[in-house]
C-alpha cells in the first residue's frame, strides 16, 4: 500500500508541474475529457460524495471510502478511516450548515492502470459562523479504487487550508 501512496504523491507532483507549464486556457483539458466514460463516472462519484456530505449523512458518506483509507490533510495530518468517520461526525454535529461544492471547471481525471482513477480539483466549503456565511476553496487529490462494480475512495490529499 505504501507504493500507492508514493504513486499518488508522484502523480500529484507531475500534475502540478505539468499544469504549471500549460497555458491557463488549456490547463483544464489535461486528463480525461468531460465526454469520456471515466471522467463521467468519477464526476458521478464526486457528486455522490457532495450529496452525502451536504445531507450530513455520515453512513452514506463513509460508504464511499475504502476501509484502508489514508486521508492526508495539510492541517490534520494522516487520518485513517475511523479517524475520518469521527472527524466528519464531529463536523456534522456542529450543525453549522457546512456544505461542499466542486468548483466548476476544476475537475480533472486520470486513469490509473489496473486500479482506478485519480481525481484532481478544487472544492469550496461554506458554513455559518457568528451569523455570517464563511467560505473557503481548497485543492484536493482523490484516488478512486475500482472494487468490483463500485468505486471507493482509497487515498485523499486535501491541502491549501
N, C-alpha and C. Protein backbone atom coordinates (compact mmCIF):
# COMPACT_ATOMS: atom_id res chain seq x y z
N UNK A 1 0.80 -1.19 0.00
CA UNK A 1 0.00 0.00 0.00
C UNK A 1 0.85 1.27 0.00
N UNK A 2 2.05 1.20 0.56
CA UNK A 2 2.92 2.38 0.55
C UNK A 2 3.25 2.76 -0.89
N UNK A 3 3.33 1.76 -1.78
CA UNK A 3 3.59 2.03 -3.19
C UNK A 3 2.51 2.96 -3.74
N UNK A 4 1.23 2.69 -3.40
CA UNK A 4 0.14 3.53 -3.89
C UNK A 4 0.26 4.95 -3.35
N UNK A 5 0.67 5.07 -2.11
CA UNK A 5 0.85 6.39 -1.52
C UNK A 5 1.91 7.17 -2.30
N UNK A 6 3.04 6.52 -2.58
CA UNK A 6 4.10 7.18 -3.34
C UNK A 6 3.62 7.48 -4.76
N UNK A 7 2.83 6.58 -5.34
CA UNK A 7 2.30 6.79 -6.68
C UNK A 7 1.41 8.03 -6.70
N UNK A 8 0.52 8.17 -5.74
CA UNK A 8 -0.36 9.33 -5.68
C UNK A 8 0.45 10.61 -5.56
N UNK A 9 1.44 10.61 -4.67
CA UNK A 9 2.25 11.81 -4.49
C UNK A 9 3.07 12.12 -5.74
N UNK A 10 3.58 11.11 -6.42
CA UNK A 10 4.34 11.32 -7.65
C UNK A 10 3.45 11.88 -8.76
N UNK A 11 2.24 11.32 -8.89
CA UNK A 11 1.32 11.81 -9.92
C UNK A 11 0.90 13.24 -9.60
N UNK A 12 0.66 13.52 -8.32
CA UNK A 12 0.30 14.88 -7.92
C UNK A 12 1.42 15.85 -8.29
N UNK A 13 2.65 15.49 -7.97
CA UNK A 13 3.78 16.36 -8.30
C UNK A 13 3.87 16.57 -9.81
N UNK A 14 3.72 15.49 -10.57
CA UNK A 14 3.77 15.59 -12.02
C UNK A 14 2.64 16.42 -12.58
N UNK A 15 1.44 16.24 -12.02
CA UNK A 15 0.29 17.02 -12.49
C UNK A 15 0.46 18.49 -12.19
N UNK A 16 0.97 18.78 -11.00
CA UNK A 16 1.21 20.19 -10.64
C UNK A 16 2.28 20.78 -11.54
N UNK A 17 3.33 20.03 -11.81
CA UNK A 17 4.41 20.52 -12.67
C UNK A 17 3.91 20.73 -14.09
N UNK A 18 3.11 19.78 -14.60
CA UNK A 18 2.63 19.93 -15.97
C UNK A 18 1.61 21.06 -16.07
N UNK A 19 0.81 21.26 -15.01
CA UNK A 19 -0.14 22.37 -15.02
C UNK A 19 0.58 23.70 -15.03
N UNK A 20 1.73 23.75 -14.38
CA UNK A 20 2.49 24.99 -14.33
C UNK A 20 3.02 25.35 -15.71
N UNK A 21 3.25 24.35 -16.57
CA UNK A 21 3.81 24.61 -17.89
C UNK A 21 2.73 24.82 -18.95
N UNK A 22 1.47 24.46 -18.63
CA UNK A 22 0.40 24.55 -19.61
C UNK A 22 -0.28 25.91 -19.50
N UNK A 23 -0.49 26.61 -20.60
CA UNK A 23 -1.17 27.90 -20.53
C UNK A 23 -2.53 27.75 -19.86
N UNK A 24 -2.96 28.77 -19.13
CA UNK A 24 -4.21 28.71 -18.37
C UNK A 24 -5.40 28.36 -19.25
N UNK A 25 -5.38 28.75 -20.50
CA UNK A 25 -6.52 28.49 -21.38
C UNK A 25 -6.66 27.02 -21.72
N UNK A 26 -5.59 26.22 -21.57
CA UNK A 26 -5.67 24.81 -21.91
C UNK A 26 -5.47 23.90 -20.71
N UNK A 27 -5.22 24.44 -19.53
CA UNK A 27 -4.92 23.62 -18.36
C UNK A 27 -6.05 22.66 -18.03
N UNK A 28 -7.30 23.07 -18.24
CA UNK A 28 -8.43 22.22 -17.90
C UNK A 28 -8.53 21.00 -18.82
N UNK A 29 -7.90 21.03 -19.98
CA UNK A 29 -8.01 19.93 -20.91
C UNK A 29 -7.05 18.78 -20.59
N UNK A 30 -6.14 18.98 -19.63
CA UNK A 30 -5.21 17.93 -19.26
C UNK A 30 -5.98 16.86 -18.50
N UNK A 31 -5.79 15.60 -18.88
CA UNK A 31 -6.53 14.50 -18.25
C UNK A 31 -7.65 14.03 -19.17
N UNK A 32 -8.57 13.27 -18.63
CA UNK A 32 -9.69 12.76 -19.40
C UNK A 32 -10.63 13.89 -19.78
N UNK A 33 -11.17 13.83 -20.98
CA UNK A 33 -12.12 14.83 -21.42
C UNK A 33 -13.46 14.60 -20.72
N UNK A 34 -14.22 15.68 -20.48
CA UNK A 34 -15.52 15.53 -19.82
C UNK A 34 -16.47 14.57 -20.53
N UNK A 35 -16.25 14.34 -21.80
CA UNK A 35 -17.11 13.41 -22.54
C UNK A 35 -16.68 11.95 -22.38
N UNK A 36 -15.52 11.70 -21.76
CA UNK A 36 -15.05 10.31 -21.63
C UNK A 36 -15.83 9.57 -20.55
N UNK A 37 -16.02 8.26 -20.73
CA UNK A 37 -16.75 7.48 -19.72
C UNK A 37 -16.10 7.55 -18.33
N UNK A 38 -14.77 7.51 -18.25
CA UNK A 38 -14.11 7.57 -16.95
C UNK A 38 -14.36 8.91 -16.26
N UNK A 39 -14.24 9.99 -17.00
CA UNK A 39 -14.50 11.31 -16.43
C UNK A 39 -15.93 11.38 -15.89
N UNK A 40 -16.89 10.94 -16.69
CA UNK A 40 -18.30 10.98 -16.27
C UNK A 40 -18.52 10.12 -15.02
N UNK A 41 -17.87 8.96 -14.96
CA UNK A 41 -18.03 8.07 -13.80
C UNK A 41 -17.47 8.70 -12.53
N UNK A 42 -16.29 9.30 -12.62
CA UNK A 42 -15.69 9.93 -11.45
C UNK A 42 -16.47 11.19 -11.07
N UNK A 43 -16.94 11.94 -12.03
CA UNK A 43 -17.78 13.12 -11.73
C UNK A 43 -19.04 12.68 -10.99
N UNK A 44 -19.60 11.54 -11.40
CA UNK A 44 -20.78 11.00 -10.72
C UNK A 44 -20.44 10.62 -9.27
N UNK A 45 -19.28 10.02 -9.06
CA UNK A 45 -18.85 9.65 -7.71
C UNK A 45 -18.63 10.91 -6.86
N UNK A 46 -18.03 11.94 -7.45
CA UNK A 46 -17.81 13.18 -6.73
C UNK A 46 -19.15 13.81 -6.35
N UNK A 47 -20.12 13.73 -7.25
CA UNK A 47 -21.46 14.25 -6.94
C UNK A 47 -22.10 13.49 -5.79
N UNK A 48 -21.91 12.18 -5.75
CA UNK A 48 -22.45 11.37 -4.65
C UNK A 48 -21.78 11.76 -3.34
N UNK A 49 -20.47 12.01 -3.40
CA UNK A 49 -19.72 12.45 -2.22
C UNK A 49 -20.28 13.78 -1.72
N UNK A 50 -20.48 14.71 -2.63
CA UNK A 50 -21.01 16.03 -2.27
C UNK A 50 -22.42 15.91 -1.69
N UNK A 51 -23.26 15.10 -2.32
CA UNK A 51 -24.65 14.94 -1.83
C UNK A 51 -24.67 14.37 -0.42
N UNK A 52 -23.88 13.35 -0.16
CA UNK A 52 -23.84 12.74 1.18
C UNK A 52 -23.29 13.73 2.20
N UNK A 53 -22.24 14.46 1.81
CA UNK A 53 -21.65 15.45 2.72
C UNK A 53 -22.67 16.55 3.04
N UNK A 54 -23.31 17.09 2.01
CA UNK A 54 -24.24 18.20 2.21
C UNK A 54 -25.50 17.77 2.97
N UNK A 55 -25.87 16.50 2.87
CA UNK A 55 -27.01 15.97 3.64
C UNK A 55 -26.59 15.61 5.07
N UNK A 56 -25.29 15.70 5.33
CA UNK A 56 -24.71 15.31 6.63
C UNK A 56 -25.07 13.86 6.96
N UNK A 57 -25.09 13.03 5.90
CA UNK A 57 -25.41 11.61 6.02
C UNK A 57 -24.09 10.85 6.18
N UNK A 58 -23.69 10.67 7.43
CA UNK A 58 -22.38 10.08 7.73
C UNK A 58 -22.25 8.67 7.15
N UNK A 59 -23.30 7.85 7.26
CA UNK A 59 -23.21 6.48 6.75
C UNK A 59 -23.05 6.46 5.24
N UNK A 60 -23.83 7.27 4.53
CA UNK A 60 -23.72 7.32 3.06
C UNK A 60 -22.35 7.86 2.65
N UNK A 61 -21.86 8.86 3.37
CA UNK A 61 -20.55 9.43 3.06
C UNK A 61 -19.45 8.39 3.25
N UNK A 62 -19.45 7.73 4.39
CA UNK A 62 -18.39 6.77 4.69
C UNK A 62 -18.47 5.53 3.81
N UNK A 63 -19.62 5.23 3.25
CA UNK A 63 -19.76 4.10 2.33
C UNK A 63 -18.96 4.33 1.05
N UNK A 64 -18.59 5.58 0.78
CA UNK A 64 -17.80 5.90 -0.41
C UNK A 64 -16.30 5.70 -0.20
N UNK A 65 -15.89 5.51 1.06
CA UNK A 65 -14.48 5.35 1.39
C UNK A 65 -14.12 3.88 1.57
N UNK A 66 -12.93 3.51 1.14
CA UNK A 66 -12.41 2.16 1.34
C UNK A 66 -11.98 2.01 2.81
N UNK A 67 -12.08 0.82 3.33
CA UNK A 67 -11.75 0.59 4.74
C UNK A 67 -10.28 0.86 5.08
N UNK A 68 -9.40 0.78 4.09
CA UNK A 68 -7.97 1.07 4.34
C UNK A 68 -7.60 2.51 3.96
N UNK A 69 -8.58 3.39 4.03
CA UNK A 69 -8.41 4.79 3.66
C UNK A 69 -7.18 5.42 4.31
N UNK A 70 -6.47 6.20 3.52
CA UNK A 70 -5.43 7.10 4.02
C UNK A 70 -5.84 8.49 3.55
N UNK A 71 -6.13 9.37 4.50
CA UNK A 71 -6.59 10.72 4.22
C UNK A 71 -5.52 11.67 4.74
N UNK A 72 -4.84 12.35 3.81
CA UNK A 72 -3.77 13.28 4.16
C UNK A 72 -4.34 14.70 4.12
N UNK A 73 -4.32 15.36 5.26
CA UNK A 73 -4.83 16.73 5.38
C UNK A 73 -3.68 17.62 5.83
N UNK A 74 -3.48 18.74 5.13
CA UNK A 74 -2.33 19.58 5.46
C UNK A 74 -2.33 20.07 6.90
N UNK A 75 -3.48 20.21 7.50
CA UNK A 75 -3.53 20.64 8.90
C UNK A 75 -3.78 19.50 9.86
N UNK A 76 -4.53 18.48 9.43
CA UNK A 76 -4.88 17.37 10.31
C UNK A 76 -3.94 16.19 10.25
N UNK A 77 -3.04 16.19 9.26
CA UNK A 77 -2.11 15.07 9.12
C UNK A 77 -2.77 13.84 8.50
N UNK A 78 -2.12 12.71 8.70
CA UNK A 78 -2.62 11.45 8.17
C UNK A 78 -3.76 10.93 9.05
N UNK A 79 -4.87 10.58 8.40
CA UNK A 79 -6.03 10.07 9.12
C UNK A 79 -6.49 8.77 8.49
N UNK A 80 -6.93 7.84 9.35
CA UNK A 80 -7.45 6.55 8.91
C UNK A 80 -8.96 6.66 8.66
N UNK A 81 -9.54 5.57 8.20
CA UNK A 81 -10.99 5.51 8.00
C UNK A 81 -11.72 5.90 9.28
N UNK A 82 -11.35 5.30 10.41
CA UNK A 82 -12.05 5.59 11.66
C UNK A 82 -11.83 7.04 12.10
N UNK A 83 -10.63 7.57 11.90
CA UNK A 83 -10.36 8.98 12.21
C UNK A 83 -11.27 9.91 11.39
N UNK A 84 -11.40 9.60 10.10
CA UNK A 84 -12.20 10.42 9.20
C UNK A 84 -13.67 10.34 9.60
N UNK A 85 -14.13 9.14 9.95
CA UNK A 85 -15.53 8.97 10.38
C UNK A 85 -15.81 9.81 11.62
N UNK A 86 -14.92 9.77 12.59
CA UNK A 86 -15.09 10.57 13.81
C UNK A 86 -15.06 12.06 13.48
N UNK A 87 -14.11 12.46 12.62
CA UNK A 87 -13.99 13.87 12.24
C UNK A 87 -15.23 14.40 11.54
N UNK A 88 -15.74 13.64 10.56
CA UNK A 88 -16.96 14.08 9.87
C UNK A 88 -18.15 14.08 10.83
N UNK A 89 -18.22 13.09 11.70
CA UNK A 89 -19.31 13.05 12.68
C UNK A 89 -19.29 14.29 13.56
N UNK A 90 -18.11 14.66 14.04
CA UNK A 90 -17.98 15.87 14.87
C UNK A 90 -18.33 17.13 14.07
N UNK A 91 -17.89 17.17 12.83
CA UNK A 91 -18.17 18.33 11.97
C UNK A 91 -19.68 18.49 11.77
N UNK A 92 -20.36 17.39 11.46
CA UNK A 92 -21.81 17.44 11.24
C UNK A 92 -22.56 17.77 12.53
N UNK A 93 -22.03 17.31 13.65
CA UNK A 93 -22.66 17.56 14.95
C UNK A 93 -22.65 19.05 15.30
N UNK A 94 -21.71 19.81 14.74
CA UNK A 94 -21.64 21.25 15.00
C UNK A 94 -22.87 21.97 14.46
N UNK A 95 -23.55 21.34 13.51
CA UNK A 95 -24.81 21.85 12.96
C UNK A 95 -24.69 23.31 12.49
N UNK A 96 -23.62 23.60 11.76
CA UNK A 96 -23.41 24.96 11.26
C UNK A 96 -23.72 25.09 9.77
N UNK A 97 -24.40 24.06 9.22
CA UNK A 97 -24.83 24.12 7.82
C UNK A 97 -23.71 23.94 6.82
N UNK A 98 -22.62 23.29 7.22
CA UNK A 98 -21.48 23.15 6.30
C UNK A 98 -21.90 22.41 5.04
N UNK A 99 -21.41 22.92 3.91
CA UNK A 99 -21.67 22.31 2.60
C UNK A 99 -20.41 22.33 1.76
N UNK A 100 -20.34 21.35 0.85
CA UNK A 100 -19.22 21.23 -0.08
C UNK A 100 -19.74 21.46 -1.50
N UNK A 101 -18.95 22.18 -2.29
CA UNK A 101 -19.26 22.37 -3.71
C UNK A 101 -17.99 22.21 -4.52
N UNK A 102 -18.05 21.42 -5.58
CA UNK A 102 -16.93 21.33 -6.50
C UNK A 102 -16.91 22.61 -7.32
N UNK A 103 -15.74 23.24 -7.41
CA UNK A 103 -15.61 24.47 -8.20
C UNK A 103 -15.70 24.12 -9.69
N UNK A 104 -16.60 24.77 -10.42
CA UNK A 104 -16.75 24.49 -11.85
C UNK A 104 -15.43 24.64 -12.61
N UNK A 105 -15.19 23.69 -13.51
CA UNK A 105 -14.02 23.75 -14.36
C UNK A 105 -12.73 23.25 -13.73
N UNK A 106 -12.77 22.77 -12.48
CA UNK A 106 -11.53 22.33 -11.83
C UNK A 106 -11.35 20.82 -11.83
N UNK A 107 -12.38 20.07 -12.15
CA UNK A 107 -12.28 18.61 -12.10
C UNK A 107 -11.39 18.08 -13.21
N UNK A 108 -10.40 17.28 -12.81
CA UNK A 108 -9.51 16.60 -13.76
C UNK A 108 -9.44 15.13 -13.34
N UNK A 109 -9.45 14.25 -14.32
CA UNK A 109 -9.46 12.81 -14.04
C UNK A 109 -8.39 12.13 -14.89
N UNK A 110 -7.65 11.24 -14.23
CA UNK A 110 -6.59 10.48 -14.89
C UNK A 110 -6.77 9.00 -14.57
N UNK A 111 -6.69 8.13 -15.56
CA UNK A 111 -6.80 6.69 -15.27
C UNK A 111 -5.54 6.18 -14.56
N UNK A 112 -5.72 5.24 -13.67
CA UNK A 112 -4.62 4.54 -13.02
C UNK A 112 -4.77 3.07 -13.42
N UNK A 113 -3.88 2.61 -14.27
CA UNK A 113 -3.96 1.26 -14.85
C UNK A 113 -4.16 0.18 -13.79
N UNK A 114 -5.12 -0.68 -14.04
CA UNK A 114 -5.42 -1.83 -13.19
C UNK A 114 -5.75 -1.46 -11.74
N UNK A 115 -6.17 -0.23 -11.52
CA UNK A 115 -6.52 0.19 -10.16
C UNK A 115 -7.79 1.03 -10.15
N UNK A 116 -7.79 2.15 -10.84
CA UNK A 116 -8.94 3.05 -10.77
C UNK A 116 -8.66 4.37 -11.44
N UNK A 117 -8.83 5.46 -10.69
CA UNK A 117 -8.68 6.78 -11.27
C UNK A 117 -8.21 7.79 -10.24
N UNK A 118 -7.51 8.78 -10.74
CA UNK A 118 -7.05 9.89 -9.92
C UNK A 118 -7.92 11.09 -10.25
N UNK A 119 -8.46 11.74 -9.23
CA UNK A 119 -9.28 12.92 -9.40
C UNK A 119 -8.58 14.12 -8.76
N UNK A 120 -8.46 15.19 -9.50
CA UNK A 120 -7.90 16.45 -9.00
C UNK A 120 -8.97 17.52 -9.13
N UNK A 121 -9.00 18.42 -8.18
CA UNK A 121 -9.97 19.50 -8.28
C UNK A 121 -9.85 20.48 -7.13
N UNK A 122 -10.78 21.40 -7.13
CA UNK A 122 -10.89 22.39 -6.06
C UNK A 122 -12.32 22.38 -5.57
N UNK A 123 -12.48 22.28 -4.26
CA UNK A 123 -13.82 22.34 -3.71
C UNK A 123 -13.93 23.51 -2.73
N UNK A 124 -15.15 23.99 -2.60
CA UNK A 124 -15.42 25.10 -1.69
C UNK A 124 -16.29 24.55 -0.56
N UNK A 125 -15.94 24.94 0.65
CA UNK A 125 -16.74 24.60 1.81
C UNK A 125 -17.29 25.90 2.39
N UNK A 126 -18.59 25.90 2.70
CA UNK A 126 -19.23 27.06 3.30
C UNK A 126 -19.97 26.62 4.54
N UNK A 127 -19.95 27.47 5.57
CA UNK A 127 -20.69 27.21 6.80
C UNK A 127 -21.02 28.55 7.47
N UNK A 128 -21.93 28.50 8.41
CA UNK A 128 -22.31 29.70 9.17
C UNK A 128 -21.43 29.80 10.41
N UNK A 129 -20.88 30.98 10.61
CA UNK A 129 -20.06 31.23 11.79
C UNK A 129 -20.35 32.65 12.27
N UNK A 130 -20.77 32.76 13.52
CA UNK A 130 -21.12 34.06 14.09
C UNK A 130 -22.13 34.81 13.22
N UNK A 131 -23.11 34.06 12.69
CA UNK A 131 -24.16 34.66 11.89
C UNK A 131 -23.77 35.02 10.47
N UNK A 132 -22.53 34.74 10.08
CA UNK A 132 -22.06 35.06 8.73
C UNK A 132 -21.73 33.78 7.97
N UNK A 133 -21.90 33.84 6.66
CA UNK A 133 -21.52 32.73 5.81
C UNK A 133 -20.02 32.82 5.55
N UNK A 134 -19.28 31.80 5.94
CA UNK A 134 -17.83 31.73 5.74
C UNK A 134 -17.55 30.66 4.69
N UNK A 135 -16.76 30.98 3.67
CA UNK A 135 -16.44 30.04 2.62
C UNK A 135 -14.94 30.03 2.36
N UNK A 136 -14.44 28.88 1.94
CA UNK A 136 -13.05 28.75 1.56
C UNK A 136 -12.91 27.71 0.48
N UNK A 137 -11.99 27.93 -0.45
CA UNK A 137 -11.73 26.98 -1.53
C UNK A 137 -10.40 26.29 -1.28
N UNK A 138 -10.39 24.97 -1.49
CA UNK A 138 -9.22 24.16 -1.19
C UNK A 138 -9.03 23.11 -2.29
N UNK A 139 -7.78 22.81 -2.57
CA UNK A 139 -7.46 21.80 -3.59
C UNK A 139 -7.47 20.41 -2.97
N UNK A 140 -7.72 19.42 -3.84
CA UNK A 140 -7.72 18.04 -3.37
C UNK A 140 -7.25 17.10 -4.46
N UNK A 141 -6.76 15.95 -4.02
CA UNK A 141 -6.40 14.83 -4.87
C UNK A 141 -7.12 13.63 -4.28
N UNK A 142 -7.84 12.90 -5.10
CA UNK A 142 -8.55 11.72 -4.61
C UNK A 142 -8.23 10.54 -5.52
N UNK A 143 -7.83 9.45 -4.92
CA UNK A 143 -7.55 8.23 -5.65
C UNK A 143 -8.72 7.28 -5.45
N UNK A 144 -9.44 7.04 -6.53
CA UNK A 144 -10.60 6.15 -6.51
C UNK A 144 -10.16 4.75 -6.92
N UNK A 145 -10.51 3.77 -6.11
CA UNK A 145 -10.19 2.37 -6.37
C UNK A 145 -11.44 1.68 -6.90
N UNK A 146 -11.27 0.96 -8.01
CA UNK A 146 -12.39 0.19 -8.57
C UNK A 146 -12.48 -1.10 -7.78
N UNK A 147 -13.61 -1.31 -7.11
CA UNK A 147 -13.85 -2.52 -6.30
C UNK A 147 -15.07 -3.20 -6.88
N UNK A 148 -14.83 -4.21 -7.73
CA UNK A 148 -15.95 -4.86 -8.41
C UNK A 148 -16.64 -3.86 -9.32
N UNK A 149 -17.93 -3.66 -9.08
CA UNK A 149 -18.70 -2.71 -9.89
C UNK A 149 -18.81 -1.34 -9.22
N UNK A 150 -18.13 -1.15 -8.11
CA UNK A 150 -18.24 0.12 -7.39
C UNK A 150 -16.89 0.83 -7.32
N UNK A 151 -16.93 2.06 -6.91
CA UNK A 151 -15.75 2.88 -6.71
C UNK A 151 -15.65 3.22 -5.23
N UNK A 152 -14.43 3.19 -4.70
CA UNK A 152 -14.19 3.56 -3.30
C UNK A 152 -13.02 4.54 -3.25
N UNK A 153 -13.14 5.53 -2.41
CA UNK A 153 -12.02 6.44 -2.19
C UNK A 153 -10.99 5.74 -1.32
N UNK A 154 -9.79 5.58 -1.84
CA UNK A 154 -8.73 4.89 -1.11
C UNK A 154 -7.72 5.85 -0.51
N UNK A 155 -7.42 6.92 -1.22
CA UNK A 155 -6.45 7.91 -0.77
C UNK A 155 -7.00 9.30 -1.07
N UNK A 156 -6.84 10.19 -0.11
CA UNK A 156 -7.28 11.58 -0.29
C UNK A 156 -6.16 12.47 0.21
N UNK A 157 -5.85 13.51 -0.55
CA UNK A 157 -4.92 14.54 -0.13
C UNK A 157 -5.69 15.86 -0.24
N UNK A 158 -5.84 16.55 0.89
CA UNK A 158 -6.56 17.81 0.92
C UNK A 158 -5.60 18.87 1.45
N UNK A 159 -5.44 19.96 0.68
CA UNK A 159 -4.43 20.95 1.04
C UNK A 159 -4.83 22.35 0.64
N UNK A 160 -4.05 23.30 1.13
CA UNK A 160 -4.30 24.70 0.81
C UNK A 160 -5.21 25.38 1.83
N UNK A 161 -5.31 24.80 3.02
CA UNK A 161 -6.21 25.36 4.05
C UNK A 161 -5.56 26.51 4.77
